[in-house]
PDB file of all heavy atoms in Angstrom:
ATOM      1  N   GLU A   1     -18.817  -4.750  -6.098  1.00  0.00           N
ATOM      2  CA  GLU A   1     -19.312  -4.245  -4.741  1.00  0.00           C
ATOM      3  C   GLU A   1     -18.283  -4.091  -3.694  1.00  0.00           C
ATOM      4  O   GLU A   1     -18.233  -3.186  -2.944  1.00  0.00           O
ATOM      5  CB  GLU A   1     -20.541  -5.160  -4.305  1.00  0.00           C
ATOM      6  CG  GLU A   1     -21.402  -4.623  -3.273  1.00  0.00           C
ATOM      7  CD  GLU A   1     -22.247  -3.416  -3.705  1.00  0.00           C
ATOM      8  OE1 GLU A   1     -22.454  -3.287  -4.870  1.00  0.00           O
ATOM      9  OE2 GLU A   1     -22.735  -2.658  -2.911  1.00  0.00           O
ATOM     10  N   SER A   2     -17.447  -5.110  -3.560  1.00  0.00           N
ATOM     11  CA  SER A   2     -16.277  -5.119  -2.620  1.00  0.00           C
ATOM     12  C   SER A   2     -15.199  -6.021  -3.162  1.00  0.00           C
ATOM     13  O   SER A   2     -15.441  -6.956  -4.025  1.00  0.00           O
ATOM     14  CB  SER A   2     -16.851  -5.664  -1.279  1.00  0.00           C
ATOM     15  OG  SER A   2     -17.309  -7.052  -1.457  1.00  0.00           O
ATOM     16  N   PHE A   3     -13.976  -5.847  -2.647  1.00  0.00           N
ATOM     17  CA  PHE A   3     -12.867  -6.736  -3.089  1.00  0.00           C
ATOM     18  C   PHE A   3     -11.834  -6.521  -1.919  1.00  0.00           C
ATOM     19  O   PHE A   3     -11.777  -5.662  -1.079  1.00  0.00           O
ATOM     20  CB  PHE A   3     -12.302  -6.293  -4.385  1.00  0.00           C
ATOM     21  CG  PHE A   3     -11.806  -4.862  -4.557  1.00  0.00           C
ATOM     22  CD1 PHE A   3     -10.514  -4.503  -4.176  1.00  0.00           C
ATOM     23  CD2 PHE A   3     -12.631  -3.742  -4.826  1.00  0.00           C
ATOM     24  CE1 PHE A   3     -10.069  -3.227  -4.243  1.00  0.00           C
ATOM     25  CE2 PHE A   3     -12.191  -2.594  -4.833  1.00  0.00           C
ATOM     26  CZ  PHE A   3     -11.000  -2.202  -4.575  1.00  0.00           C
ATOM     27  N   GLU A   4     -10.861  -7.560  -1.934  1.00  0.00           N
ATOM     28  CA  GLU A   4      -9.803  -7.604  -0.959  1.00  0.00           C
ATOM     29  C   GLU A   4      -8.485  -7.425  -1.685  1.00  0.00           C
ATOM     30  O   GLU A   4      -8.332  -7.937  -2.914  1.00  0.00           O
ATOM     31  CB  GLU A   4      -9.888  -9.029  -0.222  1.00  0.00           C
ATOM     32  CG  GLU A   4     -11.094  -9.009   0.664  1.00  0.00           C
ATOM     33  CD  GLU A   4     -11.087 -10.215   1.471  1.00  0.00           C
ATOM     34  OE1 GLU A   4     -10.176 -11.077   1.268  1.00  0.00           O
ATOM     35  OE2 GLU A   4     -11.968 -10.354   2.361  1.00  0.00           O
ATOM     36  N   GLU A   5      -7.511  -6.865  -0.936  1.00  0.00           N
ATOM     37  CA  GLU A   5      -6.054  -6.719  -1.432  1.00  0.00           C
ATOM     38  C   GLU A   5      -5.235  -7.052  -0.343  1.00  0.00           C
ATOM     39  O   GLU A   5      -5.476  -7.017   0.840  1.00  0.00           O
ATOM     40  CB  GLU A   5      -5.863  -5.270  -1.945  1.00  0.00           C
ATOM     41  CG  GLU A   5      -6.723  -4.770  -3.068  1.00  0.00           C
ATOM     42  CD  GLU A   5      -6.459  -3.328  -3.412  1.00  0.00           C
ATOM     43  OE1 GLU A   5      -6.797  -2.532  -2.559  1.00  0.00           O
ATOM     44  OE2 GLU A   5      -6.053  -3.043  -4.572  1.00  0.00           O
ATOM     45  N   LYS A   6      -3.970  -7.599  -0.763  1.00  0.00           N
ATOM     46  CA  LYS A   6      -2.981  -8.006   0.170  1.00  0.00           C
ATOM     47  C   LYS A   6      -1.817  -6.961   0.155  1.00  0.00           C
ATOM     48  O   LYS A   6      -1.350  -6.540  -0.935  1.00  0.00           O
ATOM     49  CB  LYS A   6      -2.414  -9.363  -0.284  1.00  0.00           C
ATOM     50  CG  LYS A   6      -1.398  -9.979   0.826  1.00  0.00           C
ATOM     51  CD  LYS A   6      -0.993 -11.324   0.357  1.00  0.00           C
ATOM     52  CE  LYS A   6       0.079 -11.974   1.298  1.00  0.00           C
ATOM     53  NZ  LYS A   6       0.516 -13.300   0.952  1.00  0.00           N
ATOM     54  N   VAL A   7      -1.398  -6.729   1.361  1.00  0.00           N
ATOM     55  CA  VAL A   7      -0.318  -5.713   1.516  1.00  0.00           C
ATOM     56  C   VAL A   7       1.025  -6.441   1.172  1.00  0.00           C
ATOM     57  O   VAL A   7       1.359  -7.474   1.943  1.00  0.00           O
ATOM     58  CB  VAL A   7      -0.258  -5.184   2.969  1.00  0.00           C
ATOM     59  CG1 VAL A   7       0.883  -4.226   3.091  1.00  0.00           C
ATOM     60  CG2 VAL A   7      -1.564  -4.402   3.194  1.00  0.00           C
ATOM     61  N   MET A   8       1.733  -5.925   0.257  1.00  0.00           N
ATOM     62  CA  MET A   8       3.032  -6.630  -0.134  1.00  0.00           C
ATOM     63  C   MET A   8       4.200  -6.035   0.658  1.00  0.00           C
ATOM     64  O   MET A   8       4.978  -6.750   1.214  1.00  0.00           O
ATOM     65  CB  MET A   8       3.287  -6.392  -1.668  1.00  0.00           C
ATOM     66  CG  MET A   8       2.150  -6.813  -2.548  1.00  0.00           C
ATOM     67  SD  MET A   8       1.922  -8.465  -2.366  1.00  0.00           S
ATOM     68  CE  MET A   8       3.370  -9.294  -3.017  1.00  0.00           C
ATOM     69  N   GLN A   9       4.270  -4.684   0.848  1.00  0.00           N
ATOM     70  CA  GLN A   9       5.295  -4.075   1.578  1.00  0.00           C
ATOM     71  C   GLN A   9       4.898  -2.754   2.158  1.00  0.00           C
ATOM     72  O   GLN A   9       3.979  -2.154   1.499  1.00  0.00           O
ATOM     73  CB  GLN A   9       6.555  -3.898   0.870  1.00  0.00           C
ATOM     74  CG  GLN A   9       6.500  -3.088  -0.393  1.00  0.00           C
ATOM     75  CD  GLN A   9       7.791  -2.857  -0.907  1.00  0.00           C
ATOM     76  OE1 GLN A   9       8.744  -2.441  -0.323  1.00  0.00           O
ATOM     77  NE2 GLN A   9       7.908  -2.725  -2.359  1.00  0.00           N
ATOM     78  N   VAL A  10       5.504  -2.235   3.227  1.00  0.00           N
ATOM     79  CA  VAL A  10       5.298  -0.950   3.757  1.00  0.00           C
ATOM     80  C   VAL A  10       6.725  -0.250   3.797  1.00  0.00           C
ATOM     81  O   VAL A  10       7.547  -0.831   4.377  1.00  0.00           O
ATOM     82  CB  VAL A  10       4.540  -0.980   5.119  1.00  0.00           C
ATOM     83  CG1 VAL A  10       4.424   0.481   5.680  1.00  0.00           C
ATOM     84  CG2 VAL A  10       3.339  -1.650   5.106  1.00  0.00           C
ATOM     85  N   ARG A  11       6.796   0.940   3.259  1.00  0.00           N
ATOM     86  CA  ARG A  11       8.060   1.680   3.143  1.00  0.00           C
ATOM     87  C   ARG A  11       7.901   3.069   3.339  1.00  0.00           C
ATOM     88  O   ARG A  11       6.911   3.626   3.286  1.00  0.00           O
ATOM     89  CB  ARG A  11       8.719   1.259   1.752  1.00  0.00           C
ATOM     90  CG  ARG A  11       8.001   1.692   0.497  1.00  0.00           C
ATOM     91  CD  ARG A  11       8.825   1.895  -0.650  1.00  0.00           C
ATOM     92  NE  ARG A  11       9.759   3.087  -0.382  1.00  0.00           N
ATOM     93  CZ  ARG A  11      10.875   3.197  -0.933  1.00  0.00           C
ATOM     94  NH1 ARG A  11      11.375   2.260  -1.810  1.00  0.00           N
ATOM     95  NH2 ARG A  11      11.689   4.228  -0.680  1.00  0.00           N
ATOM     96  N   TYR A  12       9.125   3.638   3.444  1.00  0.00           N
ATOM     97  CA  TYR A  12       9.245   5.101   3.579  1.00  0.00           C
ATOM     98  C   TYR A  12       9.071   5.807   2.168  1.00  0.00           C
ATOM     99  O   TYR A  12       9.553   5.221   1.191  1.00  0.00           O
ATOM    100  CB  TYR A  12      10.654   5.419   4.204  1.00  0.00           C
ATOM    101  CG  TYR A  12      11.074   6.897   4.066  1.00  0.00           C
ATOM    102  CD1 TYR A  12      10.568   7.872   4.909  1.00  0.00           C
ATOM    103  CD2 TYR A  12      11.973   7.239   3.163  1.00  0.00           C
ATOM    104  CE1 TYR A  12      10.974   9.257   4.725  1.00  0.00           C
ATOM    105  CE2 TYR A  12      12.409   8.527   2.968  1.00  0.00           C
ATOM    106  CZ  TYR A  12      11.842   9.561   3.783  1.00  0.00           C
ATOM    107  OH  TYR A  12      12.380  10.745   3.524  1.00  0.00           O
ATOM    108  N   ASP A  13       8.390   6.880   2.245  1.00  0.00           N
ATOM    109  CA  ASP A  13       8.289   7.667   1.010  1.00  0.00           C
ATOM    110  C   ASP A  13       8.890   9.125   1.105  1.00  0.00           C
ATOM    111  O   ASP A  13       8.458   9.816   2.060  1.00  0.00           O
ATOM    112  CB  ASP A  13       6.724   7.893   0.657  1.00  0.00           C
ATOM    113  CG  ASP A  13       6.544   8.437  -0.814  1.00  0.00           C
ATOM    114  OD1 ASP A  13       7.659   8.700  -1.469  1.00  0.00           O
ATOM    115  OD2 ASP A  13       5.416   8.776  -1.086  1.00  0.00           O
ATOM    116  N   PRO A  14       9.899   9.562   0.364  1.00  0.00           N
ATOM    117  CA  PRO A  14      10.466  10.774   0.605  1.00  0.00           C
ATOM    118  C   PRO A  14       9.567  12.014   0.308  1.00  0.00           C
ATOM    119  O   PRO A  14       9.857  13.102   0.596  1.00  0.00           O
ATOM    120  CB  PRO A  14      11.764  10.677  -0.381  1.00  0.00           C
ATOM    121  CG  PRO A  14      11.330   9.790  -1.431  1.00  0.00           C
ATOM    122  CD  PRO A  14      10.436   8.732  -0.781  1.00  0.00           C
ATOM    123  N   CYS A  15       8.516  11.748  -0.530  1.00  0.00           N
ATOM    124  CA  CYS A  15       7.671  12.821  -0.856  1.00  0.00           C
ATOM    125  C   CYS A  15       6.511  13.218  -0.077  1.00  0.00           C
ATOM    126  O   CYS A  15       5.835  14.034  -0.359  1.00  0.00           O
ATOM    127  CB  CYS A  15       7.108  12.488  -2.379  1.00  0.00           C
ATOM    128  SG  CYS A  15       8.361  12.270  -3.648  1.00  0.00           S
ATOM    129  N   ARG A  16       6.408  12.425   1.165  1.00  0.00           N
ATOM    130  CA  ARG A  16       5.295  12.728   2.025  1.00  0.00           C
ATOM    131  C   ARG A  16       5.745  12.235   3.461  1.00  0.00           C
ATOM    132  O   ARG A  16       6.783  11.540   3.576  1.00  0.00           O
ATOM    133  CB  ARG A  16       4.062  11.973   1.582  1.00  0.00           C
ATOM    134  CG  ARG A  16       4.039  10.547   1.683  1.00  0.00           C
ATOM    135  CD  ARG A  16       2.866   9.952   0.856  1.00  0.00           C
ATOM    136  NE  ARG A  16       3.118  10.159  -0.537  1.00  0.00           N
ATOM    137  CZ  ARG A  16       2.449  11.010  -1.391  1.00  0.00           C
ATOM    138  NH1 ARG A  16       1.555  11.680  -0.940  1.00  0.00           N
ATOM    139  NH2 ARG A  16       2.822  11.045  -2.650  1.00  0.00           N
ATOM    140  N   SER A  17       4.969  12.834   4.477  1.00  0.00           N
ATOM    141  CA  SER A  17       5.376  12.456   5.823  1.00  0.00           C
ATOM    142  C   SER A  17       4.959  11.070   6.244  1.00  0.00           C
ATOM    143  O   SER A  17       5.531  10.477   7.159  1.00  0.00           O
ATOM    144  CB  SER A  17       4.782  13.450   6.757  1.00  0.00           C
ATOM    145  OG  SER A  17       3.251  13.419   6.705  1.00  0.00           O
ATOM    146  N   ALA A  18       3.973  10.515   5.661  1.00  0.00           N
ATOM    147  CA  ALA A  18       3.498   9.223   5.946  1.00  0.00           C
ATOM    148  C   ALA A  18       4.173   8.081   5.117  1.00  0.00           C
ATOM    149  O   ALA A  18       4.674   8.364   4.123  1.00  0.00           O
ATOM    150  CB  ALA A  18       1.978   9.057   5.712  1.00  0.00           C
ATOM    151  N   ASP A  19       4.012   6.894   5.797  1.00  0.00           N
ATOM    152  CA  ASP A  19       4.556   5.719   4.996  1.00  0.00           C
ATOM    153  C   ASP A  19       3.623   5.234   3.863  1.00  0.00           C
ATOM    154  O   ASP A  19       2.421   5.585   4.020  1.00  0.00           O
ATOM    155  CB  ASP A  19       4.906   4.569   5.960  1.00  0.00           C
ATOM    156  CG  ASP A  19       5.947   5.010   6.831  1.00  0.00           C
ATOM    157  OD1 ASP A  19       6.836   5.757   6.550  1.00  0.00           O
ATOM    158  OD2 ASP A  19       6.051   4.250   8.019  1.00  0.00           O
ATOM    159  N   ILE A  20       4.033   4.492   2.903  1.00  0.00           N
ATOM    160  CA  ILE A  20       3.085   4.021   1.820  1.00  0.00           C
ATOM    161  C   ILE A  20       3.255   2.539   1.842  1.00  0.00           C
ATOM    162  O   ILE A  20       4.208   1.903   2.345  1.00  0.00           O
ATOM    163  CB  ILE A  20       3.543   4.657   0.451  1.00  0.00           C
ATOM    164  CG1 ILE A  20       4.895   4.306   0.106  1.00  0.00           C
ATOM    165  CG2 ILE A  20       3.250   6.138   0.423  1.00  0.00           C
ATOM    166  CD1 ILE A  20       5.297   4.668  -1.283  1.00  0.00           C
ATOM    167  N   ALA A  21       2.073   1.913   1.397  1.00  0.00           N
ATOM    168  CA  ALA A  21       2.081   0.520   1.272  1.00  0.00           C
ATOM    169  C   ALA A  21       1.757   0.069  -0.185  1.00  0.00           C
ATOM    170  O   ALA A  21       0.941   0.594  -0.876  1.00  0.00           O
ATOM    171  CB  ALA A  21       1.006   0.000   2.183  1.00  0.00           C
ATOM    172  N   LEU A  22       2.459  -0.974  -0.681  1.00  0.00           N
ATOM    173  CA  LEU A  22       2.266  -1.587  -1.898  1.00  0.00           C
ATOM    174  C   LEU A  22       1.314  -2.766  -1.746  1.00  0.00           C
ATOM    175  O   LEU A  22       1.425  -3.717  -0.996  1.00  0.00           O
ATOM    176  CB  LEU A  22       3.421  -2.027  -2.647  1.00  0.00           C
ATOM    177  CG  LEU A  22       3.326  -2.777  -3.961  1.00  0.00           C
ATOM    178  CD1 LEU A  22       2.935  -1.693  -5.021  1.00  0.00           C
ATOM    179  CD2 LEU A  22       4.654  -3.299  -4.378  1.00  0.00           C
ATOM    180  N   VAL A  23       0.075  -2.599  -2.403  1.00  0.00           N
ATOM    181  CA  VAL A  23      -1.044  -3.562  -2.150  1.00  0.00           C
ATOM    182  C   VAL A  23      -1.204  -4.229  -3.557  1.00  0.00           C
ATOM    183  O   VAL A  23      -1.092  -3.614  -4.561  1.00  0.00           O
ATOM    184  CB  VAL A  23      -2.280  -2.984  -1.667  1.00  0.00           C
ATOM    185  CG1 VAL A  23      -2.132  -2.503  -0.210  1.00  0.00           C
ATOM    186  CG2 VAL A  23      -2.802  -1.837  -2.543  1.00  0.00           C
ATOM    187  N   ALA A  24      -1.625  -5.519  -3.516  1.00  0.00           N
ATOM    188  CA  ALA A  24      -1.905  -6.314  -4.792  1.00  0.00           C
ATOM    189  C   ALA A  24      -3.182  -6.961  -4.655  1.00  0.00           C
ATOM    190  O   ALA A  24      -3.597  -7.530  -3.596  1.00  0.00           O
ATOM    191  CB  ALA A  24      -0.804  -7.328  -5.106  1.00  0.00           C
ATOM    192  N   GLY A  25      -3.989  -6.987  -5.788  1.00  0.00           N
ATOM    193  CA  GLY A  25      -5.239  -7.597  -5.822  1.00  0.00           C
ATOM    194  C   GLY A  25      -6.010  -7.215  -7.097  1.00  0.00           C
ATOM    195  O   GLY A  25      -5.728  -6.162  -7.596  1.00  0.00           O
ATOM    196  N   VAL A  26      -6.923  -8.058  -7.501  1.00  0.00           N
ATOM    197  CA  VAL A  26      -7.715  -7.852  -8.749  1.00  0.00           C
ATOM    198  C   VAL A  26      -6.859  -7.618  -9.920  1.00  0.00           C
ATOM    199  O   VAL A  26      -7.038  -6.615 -10.695  1.00  0.00           O
ATOM    200  CB  VAL A  26      -8.665  -6.639  -8.566  1.00  0.00           C
ATOM    201  CG1 VAL A  26      -9.870  -6.783  -9.505  1.00  0.00           C
ATOM    202  CG2 VAL A  26      -9.302  -6.686  -7.051  1.00  0.00           C
TER     203      VAL A  26
END
Protein backbone atom coordinates (compact mmCIF):
# COMPACT_ATOMS: atom_id res chain seq x y z
CA GLU A 1 0.00 0.00 0.00
CA SER A 2 2.84 2.41 0.81
CA PHE A 3 6.59 2.35 1.39
CA GLU A 4 9.45 4.73 2.13
CA GLU A 5 12.80 5.24 0.42
CA LYS A 6 15.93 7.12 1.39
CA VAL A 7 17.72 9.52 -0.94
CA MET A 8 21.34 8.41 -1.30
CA GLN A 9 22.61 11.14 -3.64
CA VAL A 10 21.46 13.87 -6.02
CA ARG A 11 23.59 14.41 -9.11
CA TYR A 12 23.72 15.92 -12.58
CA ASP A 13 22.47 13.86 -15.51
CA PRO A 14 23.85 14.64 -19.00
CA CYS A 15 20.82 13.08 -20.73
CA ARG A 16 18.17 15.43 -19.29
CA SER A 17 17.80 18.97 -18.00
CA ALA A 18 16.73 17.98 -14.47
CA ASP A 19 18.89 16.44 -11.77
CA ILE A 20 18.38 12.84 -10.74
CA ALA A 21 18.38 11.16 -7.34
CA LEU A 22 19.48 7.69 -6.30
CA VAL A 23 17.00 6.29 -3.78
CA ALA A 24 17.19 3.04 -1.83
CA GLY A 25 14.49 1.05 -0.12
CA VAL A 26 12.60 -2.25 -0.20
